[in-house]
Amino acid sequence: MSAYSWREEYEEKEQLKLKEERRISEEKYRDCANFYDNLSPEEKNYYRQEIEYQCVKMLAPDDIKLYYTENYYESVLARREEAKVPLQQGEISQIIQHIEKEISFLEIGDGAVIYGPDTDDNFSSVLDKIDYKDRIIDVVSIIMTNEFCLDEKDWNNFKALEVEERNQEFKSRKNISVGHDETPISEMNIYVSIDLENRAVVQEIAHDEGEKVFITLFQAQTEKELLDKISGYKWDDFMAVDEEEVLVELGLNEKEEYSM
């Protein structure tokens, strides 16, 4: 085998090795994000407190005094213990085992610690996005429950089902469904969803002839603005449509087809 052929074979093996390592790393990253996403709100809270505890535990006492407020370590311990209260021991153990096995921690100086699969410093932002998605889903589910739950005794169960349904939909669609309705006069179907990536509330209005119109009901500049906006919405706010304007955009004559 020539030196050139040997080098080609070596480089090919190295590329395959790197590709496999990258695949494993990406799979581990997804698994860790999915683990957190599938936790209950109470479990997520404990996960966060356990992460914070593991981070501060890495720091020297002098660094804690220098870079953090007084009694910071004690407050971390207190929040961690408080987060355990609503959980079973098995749930606590599962979270601890996952963190010990899958999450790495690295002190980078000035009292800062990064963490994640392979100490990925972007992992905390992934958790933040999951928490934000959960808050949006919670708000939408409350609106739906207030509108459609007929028995106050069933309110909590009704809302829990709404939350579960939206979480399942989000995994495949990446948008959060609000719901659907019909316009009162022309009976067009209205489908409303929240586009988290673009921070927008979007209406899809479909005519029975197959034509569709997409209307951005609201687009926020920040995630907080979107959350604050929809928190003040009611069901009718999401479903409000100027039917005449939509029919004109669809090229239909509202007076001829829908006037009585």
C-alpha atoms as a PDB file:
ATOM      1  CA  MET A   1       0.000   0.000   0.000  1.00  0.00           C
ATOM      2  CA  SER A   2       1.395   3.366  -0.995  1.00  0.00           C
ATOM      3  CA  ALA A   3       1.842   6.140   1.552  1.00  0.00           C
ATOM      4  CA  TYR A   4      -0.869   8.107  -0.220  1.00  0.00           C
ATOM      5  CA  SER A   5      -3.362   5.215  -0.083  1.00  0.00           C
ATOM      6  CA  TRP A   6      -2.584   4.650   3.592  1.00  0.00           C
ATOM      7  CA  ARG A   7      -3.199   8.317   4.349  1.00  0.00           C
ATOM      8  CA  GLU A   8      -6.508   8.275   2.475  1.00  0.00           C
ATOM      9  CA  GLU A   9      -7.647   5.212   4.408  1.00  0.00           C
ATOM     10  CA  TYR A  10      -6.576   6.764   7.710  1.00  0.00           C
ATOM     11  CA  GLU A  11      -8.369  10.053   6.997  1.00  0.00           C
ATOM     12  CA  GLU A  12     -11.516   8.206   5.926  1.00  0.00           C
ATOM     13  CA  LYS A  13     -11.538   6.227   9.183  1.00  0.00           C
ATOM     14  CA  GLU A  14     -11.011   9.397  11.198  1.00  0.00           C
ATOM     15  CA  GLN A  15     -13.876  11.142   9.411  1.00  0.00           C
ATOM     16  CA  LEU A  16     -16.175   8.201  10.090  1.00  0.00           C
ATOM     17  CA  LYS A  17     -15.076   8.201  13.718  1.00  0.00           C
ATOM     18  CA  LEU A  18     -15.777  11.927  14.087  1.00  0.00           C
ATOM     19  CA  LYS A  19     -19.138  11.534  12.348  1.00  0.00           C
ATOM     20  CA  GLU A  20     -20.134   8.763  14.746  1.00  0.00           C
ATOM     21  CA  GLU A  21     -18.985  10.775  17.772  1.00  0.00           C
ATOM     22  CA  ARG A  22     -21.023  13.748  16.552  1.00  0.00           C
ATOM     23  CA  ARG A  23     -24.086  11.529  16.040  1.00  0.00           C
ATOM     24  CA  ILE A  24     -23.781  10.126  19.560  1.00  0.00           C
ATOM     25  CA  SER A  25     -23.308  13.613  21.012  1.00  0.00           C
ATOM     26  CA  GLU A  26     -26.378  14.983  19.190  1.00  0.00           C
ATOM     27  CA  GLU A  27     -28.461  11.996  20.257  1.00  0.00           C
ATOM     28  CA  LYS A  28     -27.382  12.453  23.871  1.00  0.00           C
ATOM     29  CA  TYR A  29     -28.263  16.149  23.653  1.00  0.00           C
ATOM     30  CA  ARG A  30     -31.760  15.376  22.330  1.00  0.00           C
ATOM     31  CA  ASP A  31     -32.291  12.688  24.964  1.00  0.00           C
ATOM     32  CA  CYS A  32     -31.354  15.087  27.771  1.00  0.00           C
ATOM     33  CA  ALA A  33     -33.679  17.786  26.423  1.00  0.00           C
ATOM     34  CA  ASN A  34     -36.502  15.241  26.029  1.00  0.00           C
ATOM     35  CA  PHE A  35     -35.933  13.951  29.557  1.00  0.00           C
ATOM     36  CA  TYR A  36     -36.482  17.440  30.937  1.00  0.00           C
ATOM     37  CA  ASP A  37     -39.411  18.177  28.614  1.00  0.00           C
ATOM     38  CA  ASN A  38     -41.252  15.045  29.759  1.00  0.00           C
ATOM     39  CA  LEU A  39     -41.022  15.906  33.463  1.00  0.00           C
ATOM     40  CA  SER A  40     -44.005  17.288  35.356  1.00  0.00           C
ATOM     41  CA  PRO A  41     -43.896  20.961  36.430  1.00  0.00           C
ATOM     42  CA  GLU A  42     -42.936  19.890  39.966  1.00  0.00           C
ATOM     43  CA  GLU A  43     -40.202  17.606  38.650  1.00  0.00           C
ATOM     44  CA  LYS A  44     -38.881  20.342  36.372  1.00  0.00           C
ATOM     45  CA  ASN A  45     -38.615  22.668  39.358  1.00  0.00           C
ATOM     46  CA  TYR A  46     -36.633  20.099  41.321  1.00  0.00           C
ATOM     47  CA  TYR A  47     -34.406  19.383  38.302  1.00  0.00           C
ATOM     48  CA  ARG A  48     -33.542  23.087  38.089  1.00  0.00           C
ATOM     49  CA  GLN A  49     -32.831  23.323  41.815  1.00  0.00           C
ATOM     50  CA  GLU A  50     -30.653  20.212  41.703  1.00  0.00           C
ATOM     51  CA  ILE A  51     -28.687  21.652  38.775  1.00  0.00           C
ATOM     52  CA  GLU A  52     -28.166  24.907  40.665  1.00  0.00           C
ATOM     53  CA  TYR A  53     -27.017  22.953  43.716  1.00  0.00           C
ATOM     54  CA  GLN A  54     -24.533  20.915  41.663  1.00  0.00           C
ATOM     55  CA  CYS A  55     -23.175  24.135  40.132  1.00  0.00           C
ATOM     56  CA  VAL A  56     -22.636  25.937  43.420  1.00  0.00           C
ATOM     57  CA  LYS A  57     -21.188  22.795  45.012  1.00  0.00           C
ATOM     58  CA  MET A  58     -18.280  23.007  42.565  1.00  0.00           C
ATOM     59  CA  LEU A  59     -17.229  26.443  43.763  1.00  0.00           C
ATOM     60  CA  ALA A  60     -14.762  27.168  46.517  1.00  0.00           C
ATOM     61  CA  PRO A  61     -16.232  28.947  49.584  1.00  0.00           C
ATOM     62  CA  ASP A  62     -14.135  32.031  48.849  1.00  0.00           C
ATOM     63  CA  ASP A  63     -15.534  32.226  45.297  1.00  0.00           C
ATOM     64  CA  ILE A  64     -19.101  31.982  46.599  1.00  0.00           C
ATOM     65  CA  LYS A  65     -18.443  34.860  48.990  1.00  0.00           C
ATOM     66  CA  LEU A  66     -16.759  36.897  46.264  1.00  0.00           C
ATOM     67  CA  TYR A  67     -19.218  36.431  43.386  1.00  0.00           C
ATOM     68  CA  TYR A  68     -22.568  35.773  45.064  1.00  0.00           C
ATOM     69  CA  THR A  69     -24.820  37.457  47.579  1.00  0.00           C
ATOM     70  CA  GLU A  70     -24.680  36.698  51.277  1.00  0.00           C
ATOM     71  CA  ASN A  71     -26.232  33.342  52.257  1.00  0.00           C
ATOM     72  CA  TYR A  72     -26.469  32.324  48.581  1.00  0.00           C
ATOM     73  CA  TYR A  73     -25.350  28.741  49.246  1.00  0.00           C
ATOM     74  CA  GLU A  74     -27.873  28.374  52.080  1.00  0.00           C
ATOM     75  CA  SER A  75     -30.691  29.710  49.877  1.00  0.00           C
ATOM     76  CA  VAL A  76     -29.788  27.201  47.139  1.00  0.00           C
ATOM     77  CA  LEU A  77     -29.992  24.365  49.676  1.00  0.00           C
ATOM     78  CA  ALA A  78     -33.325  25.636  50.984  1.00  0.00           C
ATOM     79  CA  ARG A  79     -34.898  25.874  47.495  1.00  0.00           C
ATOM     80  CA  ARG A  80     -33.613  22.393  46.660  1.00  0.00           C
ATOM     81  CA  GLU A  81     -35.199  20.903  49.776  1.00  0.00           C
ATOM     82  CA  GLU A  82     -38.442  22.771  49.177  1.00  0.00           C
ATOM     83  CA  ALA A  83     -38.611  21.464  45.599  1.00  0.00           C
ATOM     84  CA  LYS A  84     -38.473  17.888  46.908  1.00  0.00           C
ATOM     85  CA  VAL A  85     -41.652  18.260  48.989  1.00  0.00           C
ATOM     86  CA  PRO A  86     -44.308  17.408  46.334  1.00  0.00           C
ATOM     87  CA  LEU A  87     -42.254  14.547  44.841  1.00  0.00           C
ATOM     88  CA  GLN A  88     -41.957  10.861  45.607  1.00  0.00           C
ATOM     89  CA  GLN A  89     -38.516   9.511  46.465  1.00  0.00           C
ATOM     90  CA  GLY A  90     -38.480   7.529  43.226  1.00  0.00           C
ATOM     91  CA  GLU A  91     -39.007  10.698  41.188  1.00  0.00           C
ATOM     92  CA  ILE A  92     -36.204  12.468  43.045  1.00  0.00           C
ATOM     93  CA  SER A  93     -33.843   9.527  42.552  1.00  0.00           C
ATOM     94  CA  GLN A  94     -34.602   9.336  38.828  1.00  0.00           C
ATOM     95  CA  ILE A  95     -33.686  13.002  38.351  1.00  0.00           C
ATOM     96  CA  ILE A  96     -30.506  12.738  40.424  1.00  0.00           C
ATOM     97  CA  GLN A  97     -29.409   9.621  38.528  1.00  0.00           C
ATOM     98  CA  HIS A  98     -30.019  11.310  35.183  1.00  0.00           C
ATOM     99  CA  ILE A  99     -28.035  14.399  36.158  1.00  0.00           C
ATOM    100  CA  GLU A 100     -25.152  12.353  37.569  1.00  0.00           C
ATOM    101  CA  LYS A 101     -24.992  10.167  34.461  1.00  0.00           C
ATOM    102  CA  GLU A 102     -25.735  12.597  31.624  1.00  0.00           C
ATOM    103  CA  ILE A 103     -24.919  16.154  32.742  1.00  0.00           C
ATOM    104  CA  SER A 104     -21.365  17.468  33.060  1.00  0.00           C
ATOM    105  CA  PHE A 105     -20.327  20.582  34.963  1.00  0.00           C
ATOM    106  CA  LEU A 106     -17.355  22.845  34.320  1.00  0.00           C
ATOM    107  CA  GLU A 107     -16.205  25.871  36.294  1.00  0.00           C
ATOM    108  CA  ILE A 108     -15.038  28.560  33.872  1.00  0.00           C
ATOM    109  CA  GLY A 109     -13.943  31.261  36.296  1.00  0.00           C
ATOM    110  CA  ASP A 110     -15.401  34.274  38.097  1.00  0.00           C
ATOM    111  CA  GLY A 111     -17.905  32.060  39.890  1.00  0.00           C
ATOM    112  CA  ALA A 112     -19.496  30.798  36.665  1.00  0.00           C
ATOM    113  CA  VAL A 113     -20.286  27.140  35.965  1.00  0.00           C
ATOM    114  CA  ILE A 114     -21.547  25.757  32.660  1.00  0.00           C
ATOM    115  CA  TYR A 115     -23.399  22.471  32.397  1.00  0.00           C
ATOM    116  CA  GLY A 116     -25.032  20.141  29.937  1.00  0.00           C
ATOM    117  CA  PRO A 117     -24.329  17.022  27.905  1.00  0.00           C
ATOM    118  CA  ASP A 118     -20.585  17.286  27.218  1.00  0.00           C
ATOM    119  CA  THR A 119     -20.685  20.594  29.173  1.00  0.00           C
ATOM    120  CA  ASP A 120     -22.536  22.317  26.342  1.00  0.00           C
ATOM    121  CA  ASP A 121     -22.894  25.936  27.442  1.00  0.00           C
ATOM    122  CA  ASN A 122     -26.037  26.302  25.295  1.00  0.00           C
ATOM    123  CA  PHE A 123     -27.979  23.665  27.227  1.00  0.00           C
ATOM    124  CA  SER A 124     -29.398  26.105  29.787  1.00  0.00           C
ATOM    125  CA  SER A 125     -31.030  28.087  26.962  1.00  0.00           C
ATOM    126  CA  VAL A 126     -32.654  24.859  25.716  1.00  0.00           C
ATOM    127  CA  LEU A 127     -34.188  24.353  29.158  1.00  0.00           C
ATOM    128  CA  ASP A 128     -35.355  27.984  29.131  1.00  0.00           C
ATOM    129  CA  LYS A 129     -37.133  27.433  25.801  1.00  0.00           C
ATOM    130  CA  ILE A 130     -38.903  24.373  27.182  1.00  0.00           C
ATOM    131  CA  ASP A 131     -40.020  26.350  30.243  1.00  0.00           C
ATOM    132  CA  TYR A 132     -41.282  29.156  28.010  1.00  0.00           C
ATOM    133  CA  LYS A 133     -43.210  26.710  25.843  1.00  0.00           C
ATOM    134  CA  ASP A 134     -44.769  25.265  28.999  1.00  0.00           C
ATOM    135  CA  ARG A 135     -45.895  28.716  30.178  1.00  0.00           C
ATOM    136  CA  ILE A 136     -47.524  29.482  26.820  1.00  0.00           C
ATOM    137  CA  ILE A 137     -49.293  26.116  26.810  1.00  0.00           C
ATOM    138  CA  ASP A 138     -50.481  26.693  30.364  1.00  0.00           C
ATOM    139  CA  VAL A 139     -52.000  30.079  29.462  1.00  0.00           C
ATOM    140  CA  VAL A 140     -53.731  28.702  26.353  1.00  0.00           C
ATOM    141  CA  SER A 141     -55.048  25.698  28.275  1.00  0.00           C
ATOM    142  CA  ILE A 142     -56.512  27.952  30.968  1.00  0.00           C
ATOM    143  CA  ILE A 143     -58.300  30.004  28.291  1.00  0.00           C
ATOM    144  CA  MET A 144     -59.701  26.847  26.682  1.00  0.00           C
ATOM    145  CA  THR A 145     -60.776  25.403  30.026  1.00  0.00           C
ATOM    146  CA  ASN A 146     -62.497  28.610  31.095  1.00  0.00           C
ATOM    147  CA  GLU A 147     -64.377  28.672  27.786  1.00  0.00           C
ATOM    148  CA  PHE A 148     -65.430  25.038  27.440  1.00  0.00           C
ATOM    149  CA  CYS A 149     -65.377  23.316  30.838  1.00  0.00           C
ATOM    150  CA  LEU A 150     -69.014  23.093  31.905  1.00  0.00           C
ATOM    151  CA  ASP A 151     -68.520  21.712  35.414  1.00  0.00           C
ATOM    152  CA  GLU A 152     -66.288  23.563  37.865  1.00  0.00           C
ATOM    153  CA  LYS A 153     -65.502  20.262  39.600  1.00  0.00           C
ATOM    154  CA  ASP A 154     -63.878  19.005  36.393  1.00  0.00           C
ATOM    155  CA  TRP A 155     -61.788  22.161  35.843  1.00  0.00           C
ATOM    156  CA  ASN A 156     -58.409  20.736  36.886  1.00  0.00           C
ATOM    157  CA  ASN A 157     -58.843  17.496  34.944  1.00  0.00           C
ATOM    158  CA  PHE A 158     -60.083  19.385  31.884  1.00  0.00           C
ATOM    159  CA  LYS A 159     -57.070  21.695  31.970  1.00  0.00           C
ATOM    160  CA  ALA A 160     -54.636  18.800  32.456  1.00  0.00           C
ATOM    161  CA  LEU A 161     -56.011  17.142  29.315  1.00  0.00           C
ATOM    162  CA  GLU A 162     -55.664  20.408  27.381  1.00  0.00           C
ATOM    163  CA  VAL A 163     -52.022  20.731  28.478  1.00  0.00           C
ATOM    164  CA  GLU A 164     -51.264  17.139  27.498  1.00  0.00           C
ATOM    165  CA  GLU A 165     -52.926  17.524  24.089  1.00  0.00           C
ATOM    166  CA  ARG A 166     -50.948  20.658  23.262  1.00  0.00           C
ATOM    167  CA  ASN A 167     -47.674  19.138  24.374  1.00  0.00           C
ATOM    168  CA  GLN A 168     -48.252  16.159  22.097  1.00  0.00           C
ATOM    169  CA  GLU A 169     -49.197  18.411  19.168  1.00  0.00           C
ATOM    170  CA  PHE A 170     -46.133  20.588  19.714  1.00  0.00           C
ATOM    171  CA  LYS A 171     -43.778  17.617  19.357  1.00  0.00           C
ATOM    172  CA  SER A 172     -44.903  17.093  15.765  1.00  0.00           C
ATOM    173  CA  ARG A 173     -45.976  20.576  14.651  1.00  0.00           C
ATOM    174  CA  LYS A 174     -43.662  22.902  16.661  1.00  0.00           C
ATOM    175  CA  ASN A 175     -46.564  25.355  16.944  1.00  0.00           C
ATOM    176  CA  ILE A 176     -49.019  25.550  19.822  1.00  0.00           C
ATOM    177  CA  SER A 177     -52.617  25.034  18.760  1.00  0.00           C
ATOM    178  CA  VAL A 178     -55.152  27.336  20.392  1.00  0.00           C
ATOM    179  CA  GLY A 179     -58.236  25.793  18.793  1.00  0.00           C
ATOM    180  CA  HIS A 180     -60.714  26.261  15.982  1.00  0.00           C
ATOM    181  CA  ASP A 181     -64.117  27.815  15.386  1.00  0.00           C
ATOM    182  CA  GLU A 182     -66.402  28.971  12.554  1.00  0.00           C
ATOM    183  CA  THR A 183     -67.129  32.480  11.365  1.00  0.00           C
ATOM    184  CA  PRO A 184     -70.750  33.292  12.269  1.00  0.00           C
ATOM    185  CA  ILE A 185     -71.979  34.374   8.810  1.00  0.00           C
ATOM    186  CA  SER A 186     -69.939  32.633   6.129  1.00  0.00           C
ATOM    187  CA  GLU A 187     -69.126  29.558   8.266  1.00  0.00           C
ATOM    188  CA  MET A 188     -65.464  29.545   7.313  1.00  0.00           C
ATOM    189  CA  ASN A 189     -63.205  27.473   9.566  1.00  0.00           C
ATOM    190  CA  ILE A 190     -60.788  29.391  11.792  1.00  0.00           C
ATOM    191  CA  TYR A 191     -57.698  27.600  13.102  1.00  0.00           C
ATOM    192  CA  VAL A 192     -55.537  29.563  15.532  1.00  0.00           C
ATOM    193  CA  SER A 193     -52.004  28.673  16.582  1.00  0.00           C
ATOM    194  CA  ILE A 194     -49.029  30.298  18.275  1.00  0.00           C
ATOM    195  CA  ASP A 195     -45.750  30.345  16.369  1.00  0.00           C
ATOM    196  CA  LEU A 196     -43.135  30.379  19.138  1.00  0.00           C
ATOM    197  CA  GLU A 197     -40.160  30.853  16.838  1.00  0.00           C
ATOM    198  CA  ASN A 198     -41.631  34.034  15.321  1.00  0.00           C
ATOM    199  CA  ARG A 199     -43.486  35.063  18.504  1.00  0.00           C
ATOM    200  CA  ALA A 200     -46.763  35.347  16.601  1.00  0.00           C
ATOM    201  CA  VAL A 201     -50.433  34.438  16.943  1.00  0.00           C
ATOM    202  CA  VAL A 202     -51.620  33.195  13.542  1.00  0.00           C
ATOM    203  CA  GLN A 203     -55.110  32.563  12.183  1.00  0.00           C
ATOM    204  CA  GLU A 204     -55.619  30.109   9.323  1.00  0.00           C
ATOM    205  CA  ILE A 205     -59.023  30.779   7.773  1.00  0.00           C
ATOM    206  CA  ALA A 206     -60.252  28.096   5.396  1.00  0.00           C
ATOM    207  CA  HIS A 207     -63.184  28.333   2.974  1.00  0.00           C
ATOM    208  CA  ASP A 208     -65.112  25.202   2.035  1.00  0.00           C
ATOM    209  CA  GLU A 209     -63.895  25.601  -1.556  1.00  0.00           C
ATOM    210  CA  GLY A 210     -60.368  24.884  -0.335  1.00  0.00           C
ATOM    211  CA  GLU A 211     -59.022  28.428  -0.326  1.00  0.00           C
ATOM    212  CA  LYS A 212     -57.052  29.586   2.722  1.00  0.00           C
ATOM    213  CA  VAL A 213     -55.945  32.892   4.196  1.00  0.00           C
ATOM    214  CA  PHE A 214     -53.287  33.296   6.889  1.00  0.00           C
ATOM    215  CA  ILE A 215     -53.589  36.312   9.157  1.00  0.00           C
ATOM    216  CA  THR A 216     -51.039  37.337  11.785  1.00  0.00           C
ATOM    217  CA  LEU A 217     -53.261  38.399  14.640  1.00  0.00           C
ATOM    218  CA  PHE A 218     -50.340  39.610  16.714  1.00  0.00           C
ATOM    219  CA  GLN A 219     -46.539  39.508  16.520  1.00  0.00           C
ATOM    220  CA  ALA A 220     -44.428  40.347  19.553  1.00  0.00           C
ATOM    221  CA  GLN A 221     -40.940  41.777  19.703  1.00  0.00           C
ATOM    222  CA  THR A 222     -39.981  39.663  22.715  1.00  0.00           C
ATOM    223  CA  GLU A 223     -41.040  36.405  24.324  1.00  0.00           C
ATOM    224  CA  LYS A 224     -42.291  38.290  27.381  1.00  0.00           C
ATOM    225  CA  GLU A 225     -44.444  40.539  25.205  1.00  0.00           C
ATOM    226  CA  LEU A 226     -46.072  37.525  23.552  1.00  0.00           C
ATOM    227  CA  LEU A 227     -46.743  35.862  26.905  1.00  0.00           C
ATOM    228  CA  ASP A 228     -48.172  39.059  28.397  1.00  0.00           C
ATOM    229  CA  LYS A 229     -50.371  39.649  25.346  1.00  0.00           C
ATOM    230  CA  ILE A 230     -51.999  36.230  25.202  1.00  0.00           C
ATOM    231  CA  SER A 231     -52.389  36.188  28.989  1.00  0.00           C
ATOM    232  CA  GLY A 232     -54.897  39.011  28.533  1.00  0.00           C
ATOM    233  CA  TYR A 233     -56.766  37.268  25.703  1.00  0.00           C
ATOM    234  CA  LYS A 234     -60.062  35.439  25.891  1.00  0.00           C
ATOM    235  CA  TRP A 235     -61.370  32.856  23.420  1.00  0.00           C
ATOM    236  CA  ASP A 236     -63.256  35.450  21.360  1.00  0.00           C
ATOM    237  CA  ASP A 237     -60.089  37.545  20.961  1.00  0.00           C
ATOM    238  CA  PHE A 238     -58.332  34.644  19.247  1.00  0.00           C
ATOM    239  CA  MET A 239     -61.282  33.925  16.967  1.00  0.00           C
ATOM    240  CA  ALA A 240     -62.180  37.503  15.964  1.00  0.00           C
ATOM    241  CA  VAL A 241     -62.252  37.816  12.151  1.00  0.00           C
ATOM    242  CA  ASP A 242     -63.287  40.524   9.701  1.00  0.00           C
ATOM    243  CA  GLU A 243     -65.281  38.180   7.461  1.00  0.00           C
ATOM    244  CA  GLU A 244     -65.876  40.689   4.689  1.00  0.00           C
ATOM    245  CA  GLU A 245     -62.173  41.470   4.423  1.00  0.00           C
ATOM    246  CA  VAL A 246     -61.265  37.776   4.337  1.00  0.00           C
ATOM    247  CA  LEU A 247     -63.845  36.995   1.652  1.00  0.00           C
ATOM    248  CA  VAL A 248     -62.531  39.835  -0.494  1.00  0.00           C
ATOM    249  CA  GLU A 249     -59.004  38.468  -0.117  1.00  0.00           C
ATOM    250  CA  LEU A 250     -60.284  35.043  -1.168  1.00  0.00           C
ATOM    251  CA  GLY A 251     -61.863  36.619  -4.244  1.00  0.00           C
ATOM    252  CA  LEU A 252     -65.406  35.827  -3.140  1.00  0.00           C
ATOM    253  CA  ASN A 253     -68.377  38.173  -3.188  1.00  0.00           C
ATOM    254  CA  GLU A 254     -69.684  38.246   0.351  1.00  0.00           C
ATOM    255  CA  LYS A 255     -72.936  39.984  -0.540  1.00  0.00           C
ATOM    256  CA  GLU A 256     -73.890  37.563  -3.310  1.00  0.00           C
ATOM    257  CA  GLU A 257     -72.965  34.346  -1.543  1.00  0.00           C
ATOM    258  CA  TYR A 258     -73.662  34.996   2.114  1.00  0.00           C
ATOM    259  CA  SER A 259     -76.184  37.781   2.522  1.00  0.00           C
ATOM    260  CA  MET A 260     -79.601  36.602   3.580  1.00  0.00           C
END
